[in-house]
């Protein structure tokens, strides 16, 4: 018997990026809070009163965009809304995956639950029923300029709910939307005045894809620190550059956070390393930048991810319609909350920031593979010449880094006038979100190659052992990939380790050891004097996480 899914109550104000990822995975059902239901009903009453009083209000009884001054007859208002959905469902390209379509639908429901859109409670409940049954419209990934919201993708989302176009569910697969809805005992939406516009005004396509990008960026950023630490270890690097005093005098939170992570897994009196101990008499004064400057380079990535997450968290819980309904003022006002510039700019910044993890990782892979830099066998394999080892895996990393450099060109610096110059400035946020996801995936793949190479390099130090947390990472990798004793098909190994990183297994493996290190070395009151407002606790303890959530600021992890 299938287990009943946990239910999340949406109110338009408190959805998190973590919640949205869980909704996308189909782990949660949706309901509305009683307060949200009351707010939706009050907003709808304003719309109904306007129609009853024959007032002219944009989006309710007028045309759209350039046709805003065209008044529509009362008996044509249903057709007006349906025509809007059908004509705006003009996207192209591959359909979003079921997971991403769930996120899109859940986020639109959350925006409507805020109570400023004028949709009827019946229509919103119908959307929730479709979500809970996983009846998901076909939504092409391309076609939004992020101007009046994500009109094309959200129109495709609404079209399926109307029983038109294609729809998917786990039970039926792809089929005609009306048939899929009927198979689940659901009726197609019948749109009332303003409801078509309420369904498609907003930045939910940009923001839902952005939420996935930022959560994956957060996961790979903290695992990148562990991978880089393992590379430093097998290259017999020095730990001097991670001394807390160095980072206290340049007190960027991300930089201090990363240095702490390095200290927590490298040689210390908590976790000793036989490799470091043997090399201690020959320890270098300093290492190359790709090793020594990891806290500075990785650190700003952590700060960037935190900033972007803050922007997206606000956007997820915003009213992005036009016009907006304000029941407490008995008023409908036209504005520009649909404009995608906020998430577009943030996601361009995310791509630029997180790419640097791959950029510096590729340099560390070069150091691992180059015998003149590593003091290890060329390309990390014995019988070089007969075996090529990691030579082309490094080329793959270089290719991904190069591709990222093109993808990191910000899409939001572009704008093309649309809708007969009514929408004369647009954000291009849809492309910002899609390419941010591609950049994050490439970063994950490059770091998977570095992790594979670092674990292979560790084999050449045997029988010496590294620290307990880094040995645990090695054991994890070896549970899916055996050592490289001769050339073999490389792609499955990269894919297997990439999967570990996507599932955050590397982080899970080392986190208990970090807790042990924390018990010994945090928090330190003396750090407060070195850096106003900062202690080890500020990136190690749950109190900061809770404070950050309450203040809608960055969330920092140890």
Protein backbone atom coordinates (compact mmCIF):
# COMPACT_ATOMS: atom_id res chain seq x y z
CA UNK A 1 0.00 0.00 0.00
CA UNK A 2 1.41 3.41 -0.99
CA UNK A 3 2.27 5.75 1.86
CA UNK A 4 0.25 8.97 2.15
CA UNK A 5 2.37 11.94 1.12
CA UNK A 6 2.97 14.71 3.60
CA UNK A 7 0.95 17.85 2.88
CA UNK A 8 2.35 21.39 2.68
CA UNK A 9 0.03 24.32 3.33
CA UNK A 10 0.69 27.20 0.93
CA UNK A 11 -0.10 30.80 1.84
CA UNK A 12 1.92 32.75 -0.74
CA UNK A 13 4.34 33.99 1.90
CA UNK A 14 6.49 31.20 3.28
CA UNK A 15 7.52 28.76 0.53
CA UNK A 16 11.25 27.94 0.52
CA UNK A 17 13.52 26.77 -2.26
CA UNK A 18 13.95 23.49 -0.37
CA UNK A 19 10.17 23.04 -0.24
CA UNK A 20 9.89 23.72 -3.96
CA UNK A 21 12.49 21.07 -4.78
CA UNK A 22 10.53 18.54 -2.68
CA UNK A 23 7.32 19.53 -4.47
CA UNK A 24 9.06 19.00 -7.80
CA UNK A 25 10.11 15.52 -6.77
CA UNK A 26 6.50 14.67 -5.96
CA UNK A 27 7.23 14.19 -2.26
CA UNK A 28 4.53 16.57 -1.02
CA UNK A 29 0.86 17.28 -1.60
CA UNK A 30 -0.54 20.82 -1.57
CA UNK A 31 -3.35 22.46 0.35
CA UNK A 32 -4.13 26.10 1.15
CA UNK A 33 -4.10 27.68 4.56
CA UNK A 34 -7.52 28.97 5.74
CA UNK A 35 -6.11 32.50 5.68
CA UNK A 36 -5.03 32.09 2.05
CA UNK A 37 -8.48 30.83 1.07
CA UNK A 38 -10.10 33.87 2.67
CA UNK A 39 -7.70 36.19 0.88
CA UNK A 40 -8.41 34.58 -2.49
CA UNK A 41 -12.16 34.91 -1.95
CA UNK A 42 -11.90 38.60 -0.97
CA UNK A 43 -9.84 39.41 -4.07
CA UNK A 44 -12.32 37.59 -6.30
CA UNK A 45 -15.19 39.60 -4.87
CA UNK A 46 -13.49 42.78 -6.08
CA UNK A 47 -13.32 41.37 -9.63
CA UNK A 48 -16.95 40.23 -9.54
CA UNK A 49 -18.08 43.67 -8.32
CA UNK A 50 -16.24 45.38 -11.20
CA UNK A 51 -18.06 43.20 -13.71
CA UNK A 52 -21.41 43.73 -12.02
CA UNK A 53 -20.89 47.51 -12.05
CA UNK A 54 -19.69 47.56 -15.68
CA UNK A 55 -16.44 49.30 -14.76
CA UNK A 56 -13.62 49.16 -17.29
CA UNK A 57 -10.46 47.62 -15.81
CA UNK A 58 -7.42 46.30 -17.69
CA UNK A 59 -7.27 42.53 -17.97
CA UNK A 60 -10.86 42.03 -16.85
CA UNK A 61 -12.89 43.52 -19.67
CA UNK A 62 -10.24 44.97 -21.98
CA UNK A 63 -7.79 43.57 -24.47
CA UNK A 64 -4.16 43.00 -23.53
CA UNK A 65 -0.91 44.82 -24.26
CA UNK A 66 -1.39 47.08 -27.27
CA UNK A 67 -5.15 46.34 -27.10
CA UNK A 68 -5.47 47.61 -23.52
CA UNK A 69 -7.85 50.38 -24.63
CA UNK A 70 -10.22 47.99 -26.42
CA UNK A 71 -13.26 47.31 -24.24
CA UNK A 72 -14.72 43.78 -24.48
CA UNK A 73 -18.44 43.04 -24.23
CA UNK A 74 -19.62 41.22 -21.11
CA UNK A 75 -20.79 38.18 -23.09
CA UNK A 76 -17.30 37.81 -24.58
CA UNK A 77 -15.31 37.83 -21.33
CA UNK A 78 -14.95 34.05 -21.07
CA UNK A 79 -13.82 33.86 -24.69
CA UNK A 80 -11.37 36.72 -24.02
CA UNK A 81 -9.62 34.74 -21.29
CA UNK A 82 -9.55 31.48 -23.25
CA UNK A 83 -8.24 33.23 -26.37
CA UNK A 84 -5.43 34.71 -24.28
CA UNK A 85 -4.30 31.27 -23.12
CA UNK A 86 -4.50 29.70 -26.56
CA UNK A 87 -2.69 32.47 -28.40
CA UNK A 88 0.02 32.85 -25.76
CA UNK A 89 0.74 29.10 -25.70
CA UNK A 90 3.38 29.71 -28.38
CA UNK A 91 6.47 28.18 -26.80
CA UNK A 92 8.90 25.88 -28.58
CA UNK A 93 11.60 23.39 -27.69
CA UNK A 94 11.74 20.30 -25.50
CA UNK A 95 9.10 20.01 -22.78
CA UNK A 96 10.05 20.58 -19.18
CA UNK A 97 10.59 17.38 -17.22
CA UNK A 98 7.77 16.26 -14.89
CA UNK A 99 9.84 17.43 -11.91
CA UNK A 100 10.30 20.93 -13.32
CA UNK A 101 6.66 21.15 -14.42
CA UNK A 102 5.57 20.24 -10.89
CA UNK A 103 7.77 23.03 -9.56
CA UNK A 104 6.29 25.49 -12.06
CA UNK A 105 2.71 24.54 -11.17
CA UNK A 106 3.39 24.58 -7.42
CA UNK A 107 5.00 27.99 -7.61
CA UNK A 108 2.09 29.43 -9.63
CA UNK A 109 -0.34 28.05 -7.04
CA UNK A 110 1.70 29.70 -4.30
CA UNK A 111 1.62 33.07 -6.10
CA UNK A 112 -2.15 32.84 -6.56
CA UNK A 113 -2.56 31.87 -2.89
CA UNK A 114 -1.17 35.28 -1.95
CA UNK A 115 -4.62 36.72 -2.67
CA UNK A 116 -3.83 39.54 -5.10
CA UNK A 117 -4.61 37.88 -8.44
CA UNK A 118 -8.41 37.80 -8.52
CA UNK A 119 -8.70 34.11 -9.38
CA UNK A 120 -11.66 32.21 -7.98
CA UNK A 121 -11.13 29.76 -5.16
CA UNK A 122 -12.76 27.04 -7.31
CA UNK A 123 -10.17 27.51 -10.06
CA UNK A 124 -7.30 27.49 -7.57
CA UNK A 125 -8.60 24.29 -5.97
CA UNK A 126 -8.79 22.71 -9.44
CA UNK A 127 -5.13 23.54 -9.98
CA UNK A 128 -4.24 21.98 -6.62
CA UNK A 129 -6.19 18.82 -7.48
CA UNK A 130 -4.29 18.55 -10.76
CA UNK A 131 -0.98 19.01 -8.93
CA UNK A 132 -1.80 16.38 -6.31
CA UNK A 133 -2.73 13.93 -9.07
CA UNK A 134 0.48 14.80 -11.00
CA UNK A 135 -1.54 15.84 -14.04
CA UNK A 136 1.13 17.98 -15.71
CA UNK A 137 0.72 20.04 -18.85
CA UNK A 138 3.28 19.93 -21.65
CA UNK A 139 5.36 23.10 -21.23
CA UNK A 140 8.04 23.86 -23.86
CA UNK A 141 11.20 25.26 -22.29
CA UNK A 142 11.71 28.15 -24.75
CA UNK A 143 9.66 31.23 -25.56
CA UNK A 144 9.71 33.59 -22.59
CA UNK A 145 11.45 36.97 -22.60
CA UNK A 146 10.56 37.56 -18.96
CA UNK A 147 8.67 40.77 -19.65
CA UNK A 148 4.99 40.46 -18.70
CA UNK A 149 5.99 37.41 -16.77
CA UNK A 150 6.62 34.03 -18.34
CA UNK A 151 3.61 34.28 -20.63
CA UNK A 152 4.31 31.43 -23.06
CA UNK A 153 5.29 28.68 -20.58
CA UNK A 154 2.57 29.63 -18.11
CA UNK A 155 0.02 29.63 -20.95
CA UNK A 156 1.04 26.09 -21.86
CA UNK A 157 0.65 25.19 -18.18
CA UNK A 158 -2.86 26.69 -18.14
CA UNK A 159 -3.82 25.19 -21.50
CA UNK A 160 -3.53 21.65 -20.19
CA UNK A 161 -5.58 22.54 -17.12
CA UNK A 162 -8.28 23.76 -19.55
CA UNK A 163 -8.29 20.29 -21.11
CA UNK A 164 -6.47 21.34 -24.27
CA UNK A 165 -3.06 20.38 -25.60
CA UNK A 166 -0.98 17.55 -24.12
CA UNK A 167 -0.69 16.41 -20.53
CA UNK A 168 1.26 13.77 -18.59
CA UNK A 169 0.68 11.78 -15.45
CA UNK A 170 2.49 8.75 -13.99
CA UNK A 171 -0.59 6.62 -14.61
CA UNK A 172 -1.39 7.64 -18.18
CA UNK A 173 1.89 8.88 -19.62
CA UNK A 174 1.47 11.52 -22.35
CA UNK A 175 -1.99 11.99 -23.78
CA UNK A 176 -4.63 14.53 -24.69
CA UNK A 177 -5.10 16.81 -21.71
CA UNK A 178 -8.85 16.30 -21.47
CA UNK A 179 -8.44 12.52 -21.43
CA UNK A 180 -5.71 12.63 -18.79
CA UNK A 181 -7.84 14.84 -16.54
CA UNK A 182 -10.87 12.58 -17.01
CA UNK A 183 -8.77 9.52 -16.14
CA UNK A 184 -8.14 11.13 -12.75
CA UNK A 185 -11.74 12.25 -12.22
CA UNK A 186 -10.88 15.91 -12.84
CA UNK A 187 -12.77 18.52 -14.86
CA UNK A 188 -11.07 21.02 -17.17
CA UNK A 189 -10.86 24.61 -15.94
CA UNK A 190 -13.63 26.90 -17.20
CA UNK A 191 -12.20 30.41 -17.03
CA UNK A 192 -14.04 33.33 -15.48
CA UNK A 193 -13.15 36.98 -16.14
CA UNK A 194 -9.48 37.80 -15.36
CA UNK A 195 -8.64 34.15 -14.61
CA UNK A 196 -6.73 33.58 -17.81
CA UNK A 197 -4.54 36.57 -17.12
CA UNK A 198 -4.17 35.51 -13.48
CA UNK A 199 -2.83 32.14 -14.59
CA UNK A 200 -0.06 33.48 -16.82
CA UNK A 201 1.22 36.75 -15.34
CA UNK A 202 4.33 36.09 -13.28
CA UNK A 203 7.95 35.00 -13.13
CA UNK A 204 7.34 31.41 -12.06
CA UNK A 205 9.23 29.77 -14.95
CA UNK A 206 12.35 31.82 -14.26
CA UNK A 207 12.05 31.39 -10.51
CA UNK A 208 11.25 27.68 -10.36
CA UNK A 209 14.20 26.77 -12.60
CA UNK A 210 16.27 29.26 -10.62
CA UNK A 211 15.34 27.54 -7.36
CA UNK A 212 16.68 24.26 -8.70
CA UNK A 213 19.85 25.99 -9.89
CA UNK A 214 20.51 27.68 -6.56
CA UNK A 215 19.90 24.51 -4.51
CA UNK A 216 22.22 22.50 -6.74
CA UNK A 217 24.77 25.32 -6.59
CA UNK A 218 24.63 25.28 -2.80
CA UNK A 219 25.17 21.52 -2.74
CA UNK A 220 28.12 21.51 -5.13
CA UNK A 221 29.74 24.56 -3.51
CA UNK A 222 30.09 22.94 -0.11
CA UNK A 223 31.19 19.62 -1.60
CA UNK A 224 33.77 21.45 -3.74
CA UNK A 225 35.58 22.41 -0.54
CA UNK A 226 35.94 18.76 0.44
CA UNK A 227 37.14 17.74 -3.01
CA UNK A 228 39.69 20.56 -3.11
CA UNK A 229 40.93 19.58 0.34
CA UNK A 230 41.47 16.00 -0.86
CA UNK A 231 43.40 17.30 -3.87
CA UNK A 232 45.57 19.44 -1.61
CA UNK A 233 46.26 16.38 0.53
CA UNK A 234 47.36 14.08 -2.31
CA UNK A 235 49.52 16.87 -3.79
CA UNK A 236 51.21 17.18 -0.38
CA UNK A 237 50.14 20.79 0.01
CA UNK A 238 50.49 22.86 3.16
CA UNK A 239 47.59 23.72 5.45
CA UNK A 240 49.12 27.06 6.47
CA UNK A 241 46.94 29.06 4.09
CA UNK A 242 43.78 28.02 5.98
CA UNK A 243 44.86 29.41 9.36
CA UNK A 244 41.93 31.23 10.96
CA UNK A 245 43.96 34.39 11.60
CA UNK A 246 44.55 34.88 7.87
CA UNK A 247 40.82 34.88 7.17
CA UNK A 248 39.82 36.88 10.24
CA UNK A 249 41.65 39.91 8.83
CA UNK A 250 39.71 39.67 5.56
CA UNK A 251 36.39 38.69 7.10
CA UNK A 252 34.17 37.77 4.17
CA UNK A 253 31.76 35.16 5.51
CA UNK A 254 32.13 32.80 2.56
CA UNK A 255 35.93 32.91 2.72
CA UNK A 256 35.98 32.14 6.44
CA UNK A 257 33.40 29.45 5.94
CA UNK A 258 35.49 27.66 3.29
CA UNK A 259 38.72 27.92 5.31
CA UNK A 260 36.92 26.37 8.28
CA UNK A 261 35.77 23.47 6.13
CA UNK A 262 39.33 22.88 4.93
CA UNK A 263 40.65 22.90 8.50
CA UNK A 264 37.94 20.50 9.63
CA UNK A 265 38.94 17.73 7.20
CA UNK A 266 42.71 18.22 6.81
CA UNK A 267 45.50 17.22 9.21
CA UNK A 268 44.91 18.47 12.75
CA UNK A 269 45.06 17.21 16.31
CA UNK A 270 41.48 16.02 15.77
CA UNK A 271 42.13 14.08 12.55
CA UNK A 272 45.71 13.21 11.74
CA UNK A 273 47.10 12.34 8.31
CA UNK A 274 49.96 9.91 7.76
CA UNK A 275 50.59 11.54 4.37
CA UNK A 276 51.00 14.98 5.94
CA UNK A 277 53.11 13.62 8.77
CA UNK A 278 55.53 11.89 6.41
CA UNK A 279 55.80 15.01 4.26
CA UNK A 280 56.15 17.44 7.18
CA UNK A 281 59.97 17.79 6.97
CA UNK A 282 59.61 18.69 3.28
CA UNK A 283 56.52 20.86 3.57
CA UNK A 284 56.31 23.70 1.06
CA UNK A 285 56.35 27.31 2.13
CA UNK A 286 53.29 27.92 -0.04
CA UNK A 287 51.26 26.30 -2.81
CA UNK A 288 49.93 27.40 -6.19
CA UNK A 289 46.90 29.65 -6.22
CA UNK A 290 44.46 26.87 -7.18
CA UNK A 291 45.24 25.29 -3.81
CA UNK A 292 46.26 28.18 -1.58
CA UNK A 293 43.50 30.57 -2.68
CA UNK A 294 40.61 28.11 -2.51
CA UNK A 295 38.97 29.93 0.44
CA UNK A 296 39.07 33.22 -1.44
CA UNK A 297 37.77 31.75 -4.72
CA UNK A 298 35.28 29.25 -3.29
CA UNK A 299 34.28 31.76 -0.64
CA UNK A 300 32.76 34.31 -2.97
CA UNK A 301 30.83 31.49 -4.64
CA UNK A 302 29.25 30.67 -1.28
CA UNK A 303 28.36 34.32 -0.75
CA UNK A 304 26.95 34.56 -4.28
CA UNK A 305 24.75 31.50 -3.78
CA UNK A 306 23.47 32.93 -0.49
CA UNK A 307 22.65 36.26 -2.15
CA UNK A 308 20.83 34.63 -5.07
CA UNK A 309 18.91 32.35 -2.73
CA UNK A 310 17.71 35.42 -0.82
CA UNK A 311 16.50 37.10 -4.05
CA UNK A 312 14.70 33.96 -5.23
CA UNK A 313 13.11 33.33 -1.83
CA UNK A 314 11.55 36.79 -1.99
CA UNK A 315 10.48 36.29 -5.60
CA UNK A 316 8.86 32.93 -4.83
CA UNK A 317 6.58 34.57 -2.28
CA UNK A 318 5.68 37.67 -4.29
CA UNK A 319 2.58 38.77 -6.17
CA UNK A 320 3.72 39.12 -9.78
CA UNK A 321 0.40 39.69 -11.57
CA UNK A 322 -0.90 42.69 -13.45
CA UNK A 323 -3.21 44.22 -12.52
CA UNK A 324 -3.04 43.45 -8.79
CA UNK A 325 -6.09 43.26 -6.54
CA UNK A 326 -5.98 44.94 -3.12
CA UNK A 327 -9.18 43.95 -1.28
CA UNK A 328 -8.41 46.07 1.79
CA UNK A 329 -8.45 49.15 -0.47
CA UNK A 330 -11.25 47.89 -2.74
CA UNK A 331 -8.89 48.62 -5.60
CA UNK A 332 -7.20 47.08 -8.65
CA UNK A 333 -3.93 48.69 -9.75
CA UNK A 334 -1.80 48.13 -12.83
CA UNK A 335 1.95 47.93 -12.24
CA UNK A 336 5.06 46.02 -13.26
CA UNK A 337 5.68 43.26 -10.70
CA UNK A 338 5.69 40.74 -13.56
CA UNK A 339 9.03 42.04 -14.86
CA UNK A 340 11.68 39.34 -14.53
CA UNK A 341 14.70 41.57 -13.95
CA UNK A 342 15.24 40.55 -10.32
CA UNK A 343 15.53 36.79 -10.83
CA UNK A 344 17.17 37.27 -14.24
CA UNK A 345 20.00 39.41 -12.87
CA UNK A 346 20.41 37.14 -9.84
CA UNK A 347 20.64 34.01 -11.98
CA UNK A 348 23.15 35.57 -14.36
CA UNK A 349 25.20 36.37 -11.24
CA UNK A 350 24.76 32.79 -10.01
CA UNK A 351 26.13 31.39 -13.28
CA UNK A 352 29.14 33.71 -13.17
CA UNK A 353 29.78 32.89 -9.52
CA UNK A 354 29.37 29.11 -9.49
CA UNK A 355 31.35 28.69 -12.72
CA UNK A 356 34.49 29.65 -10.82
CA UNK A 357 34.31 26.36 -8.92
CA UNK A 358 34.85 24.55 -12.23
CA UNK A 359 37.42 27.05 -13.43
CA UNK A 360 39.71 26.49 -10.44
CA UNK A 361 38.89 22.77 -10.26
CA UNK A 362 40.17 22.27 -13.81
CA UNK A 363 43.48 23.85 -12.74
CA UNK A 364 43.73 21.39 -9.86
CA UNK A 365 42.99 18.49 -12.23
CA UNK A 366 45.91 19.69 -14.37
CA UNK A 367 48.16 19.61 -11.29
CA UNK A 368 47.00 16.09 -10.47
CA UNK A 369 47.64 14.80 -14.00
CA UNK A 370 50.91 16.62 -14.72
CA UNK A 371 53.85 14.62 -13.28
CA UNK A 372 56.08 17.70 -13.13
CA UNK A 373 53.59 19.27 -10.72
CA UNK A 374 52.22 16.26 -8.84
CA UNK A 375 55.26 14.00 -8.28
CA UNK A 376 52.83 11.23 -9.26
CA UNK A 377 52.69 9.02 -12.38
CA UNK A 378 51.64 10.92 -15.51
CA UNK A 379 47.84 11.07 -15.85
CA UNK A 380 47.54 9.01 -12.66
CA UNK A 381 48.10 5.59 -14.20
CA UNK A 382 50.91 3.06 -14.30
CA UNK A 383 52.49 1.92 -17.57
CA UNK A 384 51.98 5.31 -19.18
CA UNK A 385 51.99 5.10 -22.95
CA UNK A 386 50.24 1.77 -22.91
CA UNK A 387 47.66 3.46 -20.66
CA UNK A 388 46.37 7.02 -21.13
CA UNK A 389 44.73 7.35 -17.71
CA UNK A 390 43.09 10.68 -16.94
CA UNK A 391 44.50 12.55 -19.96
CA UNK A 392 41.20 12.93 -21.80
CA UNK A 393 39.12 13.23 -18.63
CA UNK A 394 41.09 16.41 -18.06
CA UNK A 395 40.27 17.47 -21.63
CA UNK A 396 36.58 16.94 -20.86
CA UNK A 397 36.90 19.19 -17.81
CA UNK A 398 38.62 21.83 -19.93
CA UNK A 399 35.87 21.62 -22.56
CA UNK A 400 33.13 22.08 -19.95
CA UNK A 401 34.93 25.05 -18.43
CA UNK A 402 35.29 26.65 -21.85
CA UNK A 403 31.61 26.10 -22.64
CA UNK A 404 30.69 27.68 -19.32
CA UNK A 405 32.61 30.82 -20.22
CA UNK A 406 30.19 31.40 -23.10
CA UNK A 407 27.15 30.47 -21.01
CA UNK A 408 28.21 32.95 -18.34
CA UNK A 409 27.63 35.89 -20.67
CA UNK A 410 24.66 37.54 -18.93
CA UNK A 411 21.41 37.24 -20.84
CA UNK A 412 19.79 40.01 -18.80
CA UNK A 413 21.97 42.68 -20.44
CA UNK A 414 19.89 42.10 -23.59
CA UNK A 415 16.45 43.48 -24.30
CA UNK A 416 14.24 43.34 -27.41
CA UNK A 417 11.07 45.36 -27.72
CA UNK A 418 7.93 43.19 -28.05
CA UNK A 419 4.15 43.54 -28.09
CA UNK A 420 4.15 46.51 -30.48
CA UNK A 421 6.58 48.41 -28.21
CA UNK A 422 4.30 48.10 -25.16
CA UNK A 423 6.75 45.65 -23.64
CA UNK A 424 9.75 47.71 -24.67
CA UNK A 425 12.16 46.47 -22.01
CA UNK A 426 12.43 42.78 -21.14
CA UNK A 427 14.66 40.70 -18.85
CA UNK A 428 15.44 37.57 -20.91
CA UNK A 429 15.15 35.78 -17.57
CA UNK A 430 14.02 32.44 -19.00
CA UNK A 431 17.36 31.98 -20.74
CA UNK A 432 19.18 33.24 -17.63
CA UNK A 433 17.57 30.43 -15.63
CA UNK A 434 18.10 27.70 -18.21
CA UNK A 435 21.75 28.49 -18.78
CA UNK A 436 22.39 28.84 -15.03
CA UNK A 437 21.21 25.25 -14.70
CA UNK A 438 23.57 24.17 -17.50
CA UNK A 439 26.48 25.95 -15.84
CA UNK A 440 25.73 24.27 -12.50
CA UNK A 441 25.58 20.85 -14.16
CA UNK A 442 28.94 21.43 -15.87
CA UNK A 443 30.43 22.46 -12.53
CA UNK A 444 29.15 19.24 -10.98
CA UNK A 445 30.72 17.21 -13.80
CA UNK A 446 34.11 18.95 -13.57
CA UNK A 447 34.23 18.40 -9.82
CA UNK A 448 33.26 14.76 -10.34
CA UNK A 449 36.36 14.40 -12.53
CA UNK A 450 38.53 16.11 -9.90
CA UNK A 451 37.16 13.83 -7.19
CA UNK A 452 37.88 10.75 -9.33
CA UNK A 453 41.41 11.98 -10.00
CA UNK A 454 42.10 12.86 -6.37
CA UNK A 455 40.95 9.43 -5.21
CA UNK A 456 43.13 7.81 -7.87
CA UNK A 457 46.08 9.92 -6.69
CA UNK A 458 45.48 8.72 -3.14
CA UNK A 459 46.11 5.14 -4.31
CA UNK A 460 49.74 6.09 -5.09
CA UNK A 461 50.28 7.14 -1.46
CA UNK A 462 49.34 3.76 -0.06
CA UNK A 463 49.85 2.29 2.48
CA UNK A 464 49.79 5.77 4.04
CA UNK A 465 46.38 7.05 5.04
CA UNK A 466 44.82 10.47 4.94
CA UNK A 467 42.57 11.95 7.64
CA UNK A 468 39.46 10.06 8.75
CA UNK A 469 37.00 12.35 6.88
CA UNK A 470 38.99 12.23 3.63
CA UNK A 471 39.36 8.46 3.89
CA UNK A 472 35.59 8.30 4.27
CA UNK A 473 35.23 10.23 1.00
CA UNK A 474 37.63 7.78 -0.65
CA UNK A 475 35.58 4.83 0.64
CA UNK A 476 32.43 6.42 -0.72
CA UNK A 477 33.92 6.84 -4.20
CA UNK A 478 35.34 3.32 -4.15
CA UNK A 479 31.86 1.99 -3.38
CA UNK A 480 30.87 2.97 -6.94
CA UNK A 481 34.21 3.16 -8.84
CA UNK A 482 37.16 0.78 -8.52
CA UNK A 483 40.78 2.00 -8.71
CA UNK A 484 42.25 2.72 -12.13
CA UNK A 485 44.88 0.04 -12.68
CA UNK A 486 44.65 0.10 -16.49
CA UNK A 487 42.62 1.97 -19.12
CA UNK A 488 38.88 1.27 -19.25
CA UNK A 489 35.65 2.95 -20.29
CA UNK A 490 35.82 6.25 -18.36
CA UNK A 491 32.33 7.72 -18.85
CA UNK A 492 30.49 5.39 -16.43
CA UNK A 493 32.94 6.32 -13.66
CA UNK A 494 32.34 10.04 -14.20
CA UNK A 495 28.58 9.50 -14.25
CA UNK A 496 28.67 7.44 -11.06
CA UNK A 497 30.61 10.09 -9.14
CA UNK A 498 28.46 12.86 -10.61
CA UNK A 499 25.46 11.02 -9.17
CA UNK A 500 27.13 10.97 -5.73
CA UNK A 501 27.55 14.73 -5.90
CA UNK A 502 23.97 15.32 -7.10
CA UNK A 503 22.73 13.30 -4.14
CA UNK A 504 25.10 15.18 -1.76
CA UNK A 505 26.69 11.92 -0.63
CA UNK A 506 30.13 13.49 -0.25
CA UNK A 507 28.71 16.09 2.11
CA UNK A 508 26.83 13.45 4.08
CA UNK A 509 30.02 11.41 4.39
CA UNK A 510 32.10 14.19 5.95
CA UNK A 511 29.51 16.10 7.95
CA UNK A 512 29.70 13.88 11.07
CA UNK A 513 33.47 14.44 11.15
CA UNK A 514 32.95 18.18 10.86
CA UNK A 515 30.70 17.96 13.91
CA UNK A 516 33.54 16.30 15.82
CA UNK A 517 35.92 19.06 14.76
CA UNK A 518 33.38 21.68 15.77
CA UNK A 519 33.18 20.25 19.28
CA UNK A 520 36.90 20.85 19.63
CA UNK A 521 37.39 24.14 17.80
CA UNK A 522 34.25 26.21 17.92
CA UNK A 523 32.99 28.69 18.80
CA UNK A 524 35.85 31.01 19.77
CA UNK A 525 35.05 34.25 21.57
CA UNK A 526 38.39 35.66 20.50
CA UNK A 527 37.19 35.70 16.90
CA UNK A 528 34.67 38.39 17.80
CA UNK A 529 37.48 40.83 18.47
CA UNK A 530 39.17 39.95 15.18
CA UNK A 531 36.05 40.39 13.08
CA UNK A 532 33.04 42.42 14.28
CA UNK A 533 29.89 40.33 14.21
CA UNK A 534 31.66 37.10 13.29
CA UNK A 535 32.49 33.96 15.25
CA UNK A 536 33.09 30.36 14.25
CA UNK A 537 29.46 29.95 15.35
CA UNK A 538 28.32 32.29 12.59
CA UNK A 539 28.86 29.59 10.02
CA UNK A 540 28.85 26.47 12.16
CA UNK A 541 25.74 26.57 14.30
CA UNK A 542 22.04 26.23 13.77
CA UNK A 543 21.34 29.57 15.47
CA UNK A 544 22.68 31.45 12.45
CA UNK A 545 20.60 29.32 10.09
CA UNK A 546 17.46 30.17 12.04
CA UNK A 547 18.37 33.86 12.31
CA UNK A 548 19.08 33.96 8.58
CA UNK A 549 15.74 32.44 7.70
CA UNK A 550 13.90 34.87 9.94
CA UNK A 551 15.70 37.82 8.41
CA UNK A 552 15.51 36.54 4.79
CA UNK A 553 19.28 36.74 4.56
CA UNK A 554 21.98 34.27 3.58
CA UNK A 555 21.99 30.76 5.02
CA UNK A 556 25.48 29.56 5.89
CA UNK A 557 26.50 25.99 6.55
CA UNK A 558 29.66 24.64 8.18
